[in-house]
Amino acid sequence: MTKLKDLTPKFRHVRMLLAREKGHPVGDAEEGYDLLAPLDSEGRLDAAEWKLHQTACRVRRFRSGEEDRIGRLLRKPGGQWYFDYAQGDRDDEVGFRLDEERFVTGEYVSIPHDGTMHTFQVARVEKP
């Protein structure tokens, strides 16, 4: 397993929080994702760097009242990014155009869960 001190300078810890939506008029700071992944100079996922350090790319989904889900950031042939939490694909969360998203503070990222698209706002991006 890769240690934090061994990560390349492109790696960032990204915190995304549920943005405003029906049932959450001001969003929800208790629901979101923590992502550890390499980003390019524009804040996009760096596929070349990911390929070299796949085992270090992690995701944690957190929600109030639920246990955290820990998984990996993976990429399908063809370039579609997804979060993988367990063996098989039943629990995978495929990001909506994650290859185009910019993980920059204030930007929005869409991730479907349980058949519904949810929008998350990037709350912070920092070195791990």
Protein backbone atom coordinates (compact mmCIF):
# COMPACT_ATOMS: atom_id res chain seq x y z
CA MET A 1 0.00 0.00 0.00
CA THR A 2 1.26 3.49 -0.86
CA LYS A 3 2.04 5.76 2.07
CA LEU A 4 1.03 9.44 2.00
CA LYS A 5 4.67 10.50 2.02
CA ASP A 6 5.24 8.48 -1.18
CA LEU A 7 2.50 10.19 -3.22
CA THR A 8 3.47 12.42 -6.11
CA PRO A 9 2.97 16.21 -5.86
CA LYS A 10 -0.14 15.92 -8.07
CA PHE A 11 -2.15 14.12 -5.38
CA ARG A 12 -4.86 16.07 -3.60
CA HIS A 13 -7.43 15.44 -0.91
CA VAL A 14 -10.77 16.67 -2.26
CA ARG A 15 -13.76 17.18 0.07
CA MET A 16 -17.16 17.34 -1.66
CA LEU A 17 -20.36 18.13 0.25
CA LEU A 18 -23.97 17.67 -0.82
CA ALA A 19 -25.15 20.84 -2.55
CA ARG A 20 -28.61 22.30 -2.32
CA GLU A 21 -31.35 19.96 -3.57
CA LYS A 22 -34.92 18.91 -2.77
CA GLY A 23 -35.00 17.93 0.89
CA HIS A 24 -31.73 19.80 1.54
CA PRO A 25 -32.40 23.49 0.77
CA VAL A 26 -28.99 24.55 2.12
CA GLY A 27 -27.12 21.38 1.21
CA ASP A 28 -25.73 19.04 3.86
CA ALA A 29 -22.25 19.16 5.39
CA GLU A 30 -22.86 15.68 6.86
CA GLU A 31 -23.12 14.03 3.43
CA GLY A 32 -20.36 13.87 0.89
CA TYR A 33 -17.14 12.37 -0.35
CA ASP A 34 -13.46 12.54 0.44
CA LEU A 35 -11.34 11.73 -2.57
CA LEU A 36 -7.59 11.12 -2.73
CA ALA A 37 -6.50 11.40 -6.36
CA PRO A 38 -3.98 13.04 -8.67
CA LEU A 39 -5.16 16.22 -10.37
CA ASP A 40 -3.68 18.05 -13.33
CA SER A 41 -2.92 21.78 -13.37
CA GLU A 42 -6.58 22.58 -14.19
CA GLY A 43 -7.95 20.44 -11.33
CA ARG A 44 -9.09 17.53 -13.49
CA LEU A 45 -8.40 13.88 -12.71
CA ASP A 46 -4.97 12.99 -14.11
CA ALA A 47 -5.42 9.62 -15.87
CA ALA A 48 -1.70 9.08 -16.56
CA GLU A 49 -0.75 9.68 -12.93
CA TRP A 50 -3.69 7.57 -11.74
CA LYS A 51 -2.49 4.68 -13.90
CA LEU A 52 0.89 4.74 -12.14
CA HIS A 53 -0.61 4.98 -8.62
CA GLN A 54 -4.04 3.29 -8.80
CA THR A 55 -3.80 1.67 -5.39
CA ALA A 56 -3.37 5.05 -3.71
CA CYS A 57 -6.54 6.53 -5.24
CA ARG A 58 -9.25 6.26 -2.60
CA VAL A 59 -12.75 7.49 -1.89
CA ARG A 60 -14.75 7.72 1.32
CA ARG A 61 -18.49 8.30 1.15
CA PHE A 62 -20.00 9.64 4.34
CA ARG A 63 -23.61 10.22 5.37
CA SER A 64 -25.14 11.04 8.72
CA GLY A 65 -26.63 7.91 10.26
CA GLU A 66 -24.73 5.51 7.99
CA GLU A 67 -21.36 3.83 8.19
CA ASP A 68 -18.72 5.34 5.96
CA ARG A 69 -18.06 3.47 2.73
CA ILE A 70 -14.42 3.19 1.75
CA GLY A 71 -13.51 2.39 -1.83
CA ARG A 72 -11.23 3.03 -4.74
CA LEU A 73 -11.28 5.44 -7.65
CA LEU A 74 -11.24 3.31 -10.79
CA ARG A 75 -11.51 3.85 -14.52
CA LYS A 76 -13.32 1.71 -17.08
CA PRO A 77 -11.91 1.01 -20.51
CA GLY A 78 -12.93 4.05 -22.52
CA GLY A 79 -12.19 6.43 -19.65
CA GLN A 80 -15.31 6.52 -17.45
CA TRP A 81 -14.38 7.08 -13.79
CA TYR A 82 -16.23 5.39 -10.94
CA PHE A 83 -16.08 4.68 -7.21
CA ASP A 84 -15.78 0.99 -6.37
CA TYR A 85 -16.64 -0.09 -2.83
CA ALA A 86 -16.76 -3.90 -3.05
CA GLN A 87 -16.30 -6.83 -5.40
CA GLY A 88 -18.67 -6.68 -8.38
CA ASP A 89 -20.41 -3.66 -9.83
CA ARG A 90 -23.70 -3.55 -7.89
CA ASP A 91 -22.42 -0.91 -5.49
CA ASP A 92 -20.34 1.11 -7.97
CA GLU A 93 -21.05 4.82 -8.28
CA VAL A 94 -20.26 6.05 -11.76
CA GLY A 95 -19.57 9.77 -11.79
CA PHE A 96 -21.32 11.93 -14.34
CA ARG A 97 -18.56 13.07 -16.69
CA LEU A 98 -15.90 12.94 -13.96
CA ASP A 99 -13.26 13.12 -16.68
CA GLU A 100 -14.49 16.64 -17.53
CA GLU A 101 -15.10 17.87 -13.97
CA ARG A 102 -12.75 20.33 -12.32
CA PHE A 103 -12.02 19.53 -8.68
CA VAL A 104 -11.55 23.14 -7.66
CA THR A 105 -13.07 24.75 -4.57
CA GLY A 106 -16.57 25.99 -5.37
CA GLU A 107 -17.12 23.79 -8.44
CA TYR A 108 -19.97 21.26 -8.64
CA VAL A 109 -19.70 17.51 -9.32
CA SER A 110 -22.64 15.19 -10.09
CA ILE A 111 -22.70 11.63 -8.75
CA PRO A 112 -25.67 9.26 -9.01
CA HIS A 113 -26.68 7.22 -5.97
CA ASP A 114 -29.62 4.80 -5.72
CA GLY A 115 -30.86 5.85 -9.16
CA THR A 116 -30.90 9.58 -8.38
CA MET A 117 -28.38 12.18 -9.51
CA HIS A 118 -26.98 14.27 -6.65
CA THR A 119 -24.82 17.36 -6.92
CA PHE A 120 -21.88 17.94 -4.62
CA GLN A 121 -19.86 21.10 -4.20
CA VAL A 122 -16.11 20.93 -3.86
CA ALA A 123 -15.56 22.36 -0.37
CA ARG A 124 -11.76 22.15 -0.34
CA VAL A 125 -8.79 20.82 -2.21
CA GLU A 126 -5.52 20.37 -0.35
CA LYS A 127 -2.30 18.42 -0.32
CA PRO A 128 -2.63 15.21 1.69
